[in-house]
Protein backbone atom coordinates (compact mmCIF):
# COMPACT_ATOMS: atom_id res chain seq x y z
CA MET A 1 22.45 -17.70 -16.01
CA GLY A 2 25.40 -19.42 -14.37
CA THR A 3 25.90 -21.77 -11.46
CA HIS A 4 23.95 -19.60 -9.01
CA PHE A 5 20.85 -21.48 -10.22
CA GLU A 6 21.93 -24.18 -7.78
CA ARG A 7 20.27 -22.22 -4.97
CA TYR A 8 16.91 -22.57 -6.75
CA HIS A 9 17.11 -26.34 -7.15
CA CYS A 10 14.12 -27.12 -4.89
CA GLN A 11 11.71 -24.83 -6.76
CA MET A 12 13.06 -25.88 -10.16
CA ALA A 13 12.34 -29.50 -9.17
CA LEU A 14 8.62 -28.71 -8.94
CA PRO A 15 6.41 -30.32 -11.63
CA GLY A 16 6.08 -27.94 -14.56
CA PHE A 17 8.60 -25.45 -13.15
CA GLY A 18 12.13 -26.23 -14.34
CA ARG A 19 14.81 -23.96 -15.73
CA ALA A 20 12.47 -22.10 -18.09
CA ALA A 21 10.33 -20.85 -15.21
CA GLN A 22 13.41 -19.86 -13.23
CA GLU A 23 14.70 -17.86 -16.17
CA ARG A 24 11.37 -16.03 -16.32
CA LEU A 25 11.81 -15.07 -12.67
CA GLN A 26 15.40 -14.02 -13.36
CA ASN A 27 14.20 -11.70 -16.13
CA ALA A 28 11.25 -10.33 -14.18
CA LYS A 29 10.94 -6.84 -12.68
CA VAL A 30 8.66 -6.47 -9.66
CA LEU A 31 7.84 -3.23 -7.82
CA ILE A 32 6.82 -3.37 -4.16
CA VAL A 33 5.11 -0.21 -2.90
CA GLY A 34 5.23 -0.10 0.88
CA ALA A 35 8.16 -1.61 2.80
CA GLY A 36 6.09 -2.44 5.87
CA GLY A 37 4.28 -5.44 7.31
CA LEU A 38 3.32 -6.85 3.90
CA GLY A 39 6.18 -5.52 1.80
CA CYS A 40 8.88 -7.01 4.05
CA PRO A 41 7.92 -10.71 3.77
CA ALA A 42 6.91 -10.30 0.12
CA ALA A 43 10.31 -8.81 -0.69
CA GLN A 44 12.21 -11.45 1.28
CA TYR A 45 10.57 -14.38 -0.51
CA LEU A 46 10.78 -12.78 -3.94
CA ALA A 47 14.47 -12.09 -3.37
CA ALA A 48 14.99 -15.67 -2.20
CA ALA A 49 13.11 -17.00 -5.25
CA GLY A 50 15.44 -15.14 -7.63
CA ILE A 51 13.32 -12.30 -9.03
CA GLY A 52 15.87 -10.48 -11.18
CA THR A 53 14.93 -6.90 -10.29
CA ILE A 54 12.97 -5.79 -7.23
CA GLY A 55 12.05 -2.14 -6.77
CA ILE A 56 10.96 -0.96 -3.32
CA ALA A 57 9.15 2.36 -2.85
CA ASP A 58 8.50 3.91 0.57
CA ASP A 59 9.14 7.32 2.14
CA ASP A 60 8.99 6.26 5.79
CA VAL A 61 11.69 5.49 8.36
CA VAL A 62 11.88 2.49 10.68
CA SER A 63 10.27 3.05 14.08
CA VAL A 64 10.17 0.88 17.20
CA SER A 65 6.43 0.28 16.71
CA ASN A 66 7.14 -1.30 13.30
CA LEU A 67 9.34 -4.08 14.64
CA HIS A 68 6.66 -6.47 15.88
CA ARG A 69 5.40 -7.12 12.33
CA GLN A 70 8.07 -5.74 9.97
CA ILE A 71 10.62 -8.40 10.77
CA LEU A 72 13.07 -7.46 8.04
CA TYR A 73 14.21 -4.69 10.41
CA THR A 74 16.00 -4.75 13.77
CA PRO A 75 16.36 -2.17 16.57
CA HIS A 76 19.61 -1.06 14.94
CA ASP A 77 17.58 0.15 11.92
CA VAL A 78 15.32 2.50 13.90
CA GLY A 79 15.48 5.95 12.34
CA LEU A 80 16.83 4.69 9.00
CA PRO A 81 14.84 5.00 5.76
CA LYS A 82 12.98 1.73 5.29
CA VAL A 83 13.98 1.34 1.64
CA GLU A 84 17.68 1.69 2.47
CA ALA A 85 17.58 -0.81 5.33
CA ALA A 86 15.47 -3.23 3.28
CA ALA A 87 17.63 -2.95 0.16
CA ALA A 88 20.84 -3.66 2.10
CA LYS A 89 19.44 -6.80 3.72
CA LEU A 90 17.77 -8.14 0.60
CA GLN A 91 20.95 -7.63 -1.39
CA GLN A 92 22.84 -9.54 1.28
CA GLN A 93 20.21 -12.29 1.13
CA ASN A 94 20.66 -12.68 -2.63
CA PRO A 95 23.66 -10.88 -4.19
CA ALA A 96 22.73 -12.18 -7.66
CA ILE A 97 19.65 -9.96 -8.03
CA THR A 98 19.18 -6.19 -8.37
CA ILE A 99 17.42 -4.20 -5.64
CA VAL A 100 16.32 -0.66 -6.54
CA PRO A 101 15.22 1.54 -3.60
CA TYR A 102 12.90 4.49 -4.21
CA ARG A 103 12.65 6.73 -1.15
CA LEU A 104 9.40 8.40 -2.09
CA ARG A 105 5.68 8.34 -1.55
CA ALA A 106 3.63 7.25 -4.55
CA THR A 107 1.58 10.20 -5.80
CA SER A 108 -0.43 11.06 -8.89
CA ALA A 109 2.61 13.01 -10.09
CA ASN A 110 5.05 10.07 -10.03
CA ALA A 111 3.00 6.84 -10.00
CA MET A 112 2.89 6.27 -13.75
CA ALA A 113 6.63 6.78 -14.24
CA LEU A 114 7.43 4.68 -11.17
CA ILE A 115 5.34 1.70 -12.29
CA ASP A 116 5.96 1.81 -16.03
CA GLY A 117 9.28 -0.07 -16.05
CA PHE A 118 8.01 -3.06 -14.04
CA ASP A 119 6.15 -6.22 -15.05
CA LEU A 120 4.02 -6.42 -11.90
CA VAL A 121 3.28 -4.33 -8.80
CA ILE A 122 2.77 -5.54 -5.24
CA GLU A 123 1.06 -3.04 -2.96
CA GLY A 124 1.64 -3.25 0.75
CA THR A 125 0.15 0.12 1.67
CA ASP A 126 -2.11 0.91 4.62
CA ASN A 127 -4.37 3.65 3.27
CA PHE A 128 -7.16 3.74 0.71
CA GLU A 129 -5.77 6.79 -1.06
CA THR A 130 -2.61 4.98 -2.17
CA LYS A 131 -4.41 1.71 -2.92
CA LEU A 132 -6.75 3.57 -5.28
CA LEU A 133 -3.86 5.47 -6.85
CA LEU A 134 -1.84 2.32 -7.56
CA ASN A 135 -4.91 0.52 -8.84
CA ASP A 136 -5.76 3.29 -11.27
CA ALA A 137 -2.18 3.66 -12.48
CA CYS A 138 -1.93 -0.10 -13.12
CA VAL A 139 -5.25 -0.09 -15.00
CA LEU A 140 -4.08 2.80 -17.19
CA LEU A 141 -0.74 1.09 -17.87
CA GLY A 142 -2.18 -2.42 -18.27
CA LYS A 143 -0.12 -3.82 -15.38
CA PRO A 144 -1.22 -6.51 -12.90
CA LEU A 145 -1.39 -5.45 -9.25
CA VAL A 146 -1.14 -7.85 -6.29
CA TYR A 147 -3.40 -6.49 -3.57
CA GLY A 148 -3.01 -7.20 0.13
CA ALA A 149 -4.72 -5.88 3.25
CA ILE A 150 -4.63 -6.72 6.95
CA TYR A 151 -6.74 -5.58 9.87
CA GLN A 152 -6.68 -7.05 13.37
CA PHE A 153 -7.11 -10.81 12.64
CA GLU A 154 -8.25 -10.75 8.99
CA GLY A 155 -6.23 -10.59 5.79
CA GLN A 156 -7.14 -10.30 2.11
CA VAL A 157 -5.27 -10.99 -1.13
CA SER A 158 -6.22 -10.70 -4.80
CA VAL A 159 -4.59 -9.94 -8.14
CA TRP A 160 -6.15 -7.00 -9.97
CA ASN A 161 -6.20 -6.17 -13.67
CA VAL A 162 -4.81 -9.39 -15.17
CA LEU A 163 -5.14 -9.70 -18.95
CA GLN A 164 -7.50 -12.55 -19.84
CA GLU A 165 -7.56 -14.79 -22.90
CA ASP A 166 -10.55 -12.91 -24.33
CA GLY A 167 -8.66 -9.59 -24.21
CA THR A 168 -10.46 -8.21 -21.15
CA HIS A 169 -8.91 -7.65 -17.75
CA SER A 170 -9.82 -9.24 -14.43
CA PRO A 171 -11.61 -7.10 -11.80
CA ASN A 172 -9.68 -4.27 -10.18
CA TYR A 173 -9.89 -2.55 -6.80
CA ARG A 174 -12.66 -0.15 -7.82
CA ASP A 175 -14.80 -3.03 -9.12
CA VAL A 176 -14.66 -4.74 -5.74
CA PHE A 177 -14.58 -1.74 -3.39
CA PRO A 178 -16.52 1.04 -5.16
CA ASP A 179 -16.86 3.11 -1.98
CA ALA A 180 -13.21 2.86 -0.91
CA GLU A 181 -12.76 6.65 -1.03
CA LYS A 182 -15.29 6.96 1.79
CA ALA A 183 -14.02 3.99 3.79
CA GLN A 184 -13.09 4.59 7.41
CA VAL A 185 -11.31 1.40 8.49
CA PRO A 186 -8.41 2.23 10.87
CA ASN A 187 -4.88 1.25 9.87
CA CYS A 188 -2.67 -1.12 11.88
CA THR A 189 -1.46 1.60 14.25
CA GLU A 190 -5.00 2.66 15.11
CA GLY A 191 -6.95 -0.62 14.88
CA GLY A 192 -4.27 -3.15 15.79
CA VAL A 193 -3.02 -6.24 13.98
CA ILE A 194 -1.60 -9.59 15.03
CA PRO A 195 1.98 -9.69 13.64
CA SER A 196 1.85 -13.19 12.15
CA LEU A 197 -1.00 -12.09 9.86
CA ALA A 198 1.32 -9.64 8.09
CA GLY A 199 3.70 -12.50 7.32
CA ILE A 200 0.92 -14.74 6.01
CA VAL A 201 -0.55 -12.11 3.70
CA GLY A 202 2.84 -10.84 2.51
CA CYS A 203 3.91 -14.39 1.66
CA MET A 204 0.64 -14.95 -0.19
CA GLN A 205 1.33 -11.83 -2.23
CA ALA A 206 4.80 -13.11 -3.11
CA ASN A 207 3.27 -16.46 -4.03
CA GLU A 208 0.75 -14.82 -6.38
CA ALA A 209 3.52 -12.78 -7.99
CA ILE A 210 5.56 -15.91 -8.66
CA LYS A 211 2.51 -17.73 -10.04
CA TYR A 212 1.78 -14.85 -12.40
CA LEU A 213 5.36 -14.55 -13.61
CA ILE A 214 5.74 -18.26 -14.41
CA GLY A 215 2.27 -18.57 -15.93
CA SER A 216 0.90 -20.89 -13.26
CA GLU A 217 -2.77 -21.83 -13.01
CA GLY A 218 -5.00 -20.90 -10.10
CA LEU A 219 -4.04 -17.22 -9.94
CA LEU A 220 -6.20 -15.14 -7.59
CA ALA A 221 -7.44 -13.00 -10.48
CA GLY A 222 -11.18 -12.53 -10.24
CA ARG A 223 -11.11 -13.97 -6.73
CA LEU A 224 -10.60 -12.47 -3.27
CA TRP A 225 -8.83 -14.71 -0.75
CA VAL A 226 -9.84 -13.94 2.84
CA MET A 227 -8.12 -15.39 5.91
CA ASP A 228 -9.23 -15.23 9.57
CA VAL A 229 -6.28 -16.22 11.72
CA LEU A 230 -8.38 -16.54 14.88
CA SER A 231 -10.53 -19.32 13.45
CA GLY A 232 -7.89 -20.59 11.05
CA GLN A 233 -10.44 -20.48 8.25
CA SER A 234 -10.00 -19.05 4.77
CA ARG A 235 -12.34 -18.63 1.84
CA SER A 236 -12.18 -17.54 -1.78
CA ILE A 237 -14.84 -15.15 -3.06
CA LYS A 238 -15.58 -14.93 -6.77
CA LEU A 239 -15.50 -11.34 -8.04
CA LYS A 240 -17.33 -9.58 -10.85
CA LYS A 241 -16.39 -6.76 -13.19
CA THR A 242 -18.48 -3.60 -13.10
CA ASP A 243 -18.86 -0.72 -15.51
CA VAL A 244 -16.35 1.44 -13.61
CA HIS A 245 -14.27 3.54 -16.01
CA ILE A 246 -10.80 4.84 -15.17
CA ASP A 247 -9.32 7.51 -17.43
CA HIS A 248 -7.15 9.52 -15.04
CA LEU A 249 -5.39 9.29 -11.69
CA PRO A 250 -7.02 10.67 -8.53
CA GLU A 251 -5.61 14.00 -7.43
CA ALA A 252 -2.95 13.65 -4.75
CA VAL A 253 -3.69 14.89 -1.25
CA SER A 254 -1.39 17.74 -0.24
CA VAL A 255 0.46 17.31 3.05
CA ILE A 256 1.80 19.90 5.46
CA THR A 257 4.27 19.55 8.33
CA LEU A 258 3.84 21.01 11.80
CA ASP A 259 6.63 23.51 11.11
CA GLU A 260 4.95 24.64 7.90
CA LEU A 261 1.62 24.88 9.72
CA ALA A 262 3.19 27.09 12.41
CA HIS A 263 4.39 29.52 9.73
CA MET A 264 1.14 29.61 7.78
CA GLU A 265 0.19 33.27 7.33
CA ASP A 266 -1.52 34.74 10.43
CA GLY A 267 -2.89 31.34 11.40
CA ASN A 268 -5.67 31.98 8.89
CA TYR A 269 -6.80 28.42 8.27
CA GLU A 270 -9.48 25.95 9.32
CA LEU A 271 -7.99 23.22 11.54
CA ILE A 272 -9.99 19.98 11.84
CA ASP A 273 -9.21 17.02 14.09
CA VAL A 274 -10.84 13.99 12.40
CA ARG A 275 -10.10 11.60 15.28
CA ASN A 276 -12.81 10.32 17.60
CA GLU A 277 -14.05 12.51 20.44
CA HIS A 278 -12.18 10.62 23.18
CA GLU A 279 -8.90 11.00 21.25
CA HIS A 280 -9.50 14.72 20.84
CA THR A 281 -10.33 15.16 24.52
CA ALA A 282 -7.18 13.29 25.62
CA PHE A 283 -4.88 15.55 23.58
CA ASN A 284 -5.19 17.84 20.58
CA ILE A 285 -3.52 20.77 18.86
CA GLY A 286 -6.70 22.78 18.55
CA GLY A 287 -9.33 23.21 15.89
CA MET A 288 -12.75 21.64 15.43
CA ASN A 289 -13.30 17.98 16.20
CA ILE A 290 -15.24 16.30 13.39
CA PRO A 291 -14.69 12.52 13.49
CA LEU A 292 -14.08 11.03 10.06
CA ALA A 293 -17.29 8.98 10.30
CA GLU A 294 -19.29 12.21 10.64
CA LEU A 295 -17.35 14.36 8.19
CA GLU A 296 -19.51 13.89 5.11
CA ASN A 297 -22.59 15.12 6.94
CA GLN A 298 -20.67 18.06 8.41
CA LEU A 299 -19.14 19.32 5.15
CA PRO A 300 -21.55 22.29 4.82
CA SER A 301 -20.31 23.68 8.15
CA ILE A 302 -16.67 23.85 7.02
CA ASN A 303 -15.25 27.18 5.85
CA HIS A 304 -13.60 26.28 2.55
CA ALA A 305 -12.82 29.91 1.64
CA ILE A 306 -9.59 29.60 3.65
CA PRO A 307 -7.05 26.74 3.72
CA ILE A 308 -8.23 23.62 5.54
CA VAL A 309 -5.84 21.43 7.55
CA CYS A 310 -6.98 17.99 8.71
CA TYR A 311 -5.11 15.97 11.31
CA CYS A 312 -5.38 12.60 13.08
CA ALA A 313 -3.12 10.13 14.91
CA THR A 314 -0.92 9.06 12.01
CA GLY A 315 -1.92 11.03 8.92
CA LYS A 316 -4.01 8.21 7.42
CA ARG A 317 -7.52 9.27 8.44
CA SER A 318 -6.66 12.90 7.75
CA ALA A 319 -5.60 12.00 4.20
CA THR A 320 -8.97 10.34 3.65
CA ALA A 321 -10.71 13.37 5.13
CA ALA A 322 -8.73 15.80 2.96
CA ALA A 323 -9.58 13.82 -0.17
CA LEU A 324 -13.28 13.84 0.77
CA ILE A 325 -13.31 17.60 1.36
CA LYS A 326 -11.41 18.21 -1.88
CA SER A 327 -13.91 16.10 -3.84
CA ARG A 328 -16.77 18.23 -2.46
CA PHE A 329 -14.96 21.58 -2.82
CA PRO A 330 -12.51 21.20 -5.76
CA ALA A 331 -11.35 24.82 -5.57
CA ALA A 332 -10.50 24.61 -1.86
CA THR A 333 -6.96 24.41 -0.49
CA VAL A 334 -6.88 21.28 1.68
CA TYR A 335 -3.97 19.69 3.57
CA SER A 336 -3.39 16.57 5.63
CA LEU A 337 -0.96 16.94 8.55
CA LYS A 338 2.03 14.78 7.64
CA ASN A 339 2.50 11.82 10.02
CA GLY A 340 -0.29 13.20 12.23
CA MET A 341 -0.07 13.36 16.00
CA ALA A 342 2.65 10.70 16.00
CA LYS A 343 5.20 13.44 15.32
CA THR A 344 3.93 16.01 17.81
């Protein structure tokens, strides 16, 4: 363990912490999925605390619009893969730990293998599809998952699927949000978010991870912590288990790029803009305009005998739309336009 433990003196001086707890952190393996507003502060504090191995999974690159809340990055990183920029800085922050970058998007094809080698997963994603996927994979593998979400001025944190003394597991995402697959809450790009909230929630996630790894009391398992940064108030909501049963991962939503769409055979596909009407009127690339909020009622009008391509501003709402259409028409070929209108 060596003399580098000197850097952890202040946390080791905590009552009930000591060298034994620090060694548990040193031996721990934590996976962070999403190197954005939540993943950045979570990774920074876990690296500083001496987590032995930190994996970071993300397939995105740094953009200028990220910088106001993803403060691990600088303007010099714009255009670089997030996991590469993050790994370099975290390794510089603490050379004694191991940082493992995974430049990929978590899917039903790779989630189980990705998660399996880690003790705990922190999810810092901004879409319901990936949150559900990670939740289900962690339930199937018996891994705890630290959940975080931010929207405008409100943040949430909980720890899903923690093994209890009676052999059961604490509530998971599907217990608490049974209708998440139909949810239509905009992400940060579309709905806005105050940057400091990302830091607060990401730090809370890191804190819960540390608490879990050292066996601390008061873990947010079976509780949902909610913070409103406008009022400065927070509350803790007690959660209940339901009879939800998870025996497989949700099918991944297929994505298509603009170049691939342009070469699709004879343009024989159904193109659907799932943004709001005013967004469609301002600028669009064609197709029907069926806002996500109205999609479920409009499903019978969609021609699912040919490929269906959904698009939106960033690819988030279109992924939700594609998953909804696929659930109604399992045999249909359905795509979400990768990165949405942001790349047009």
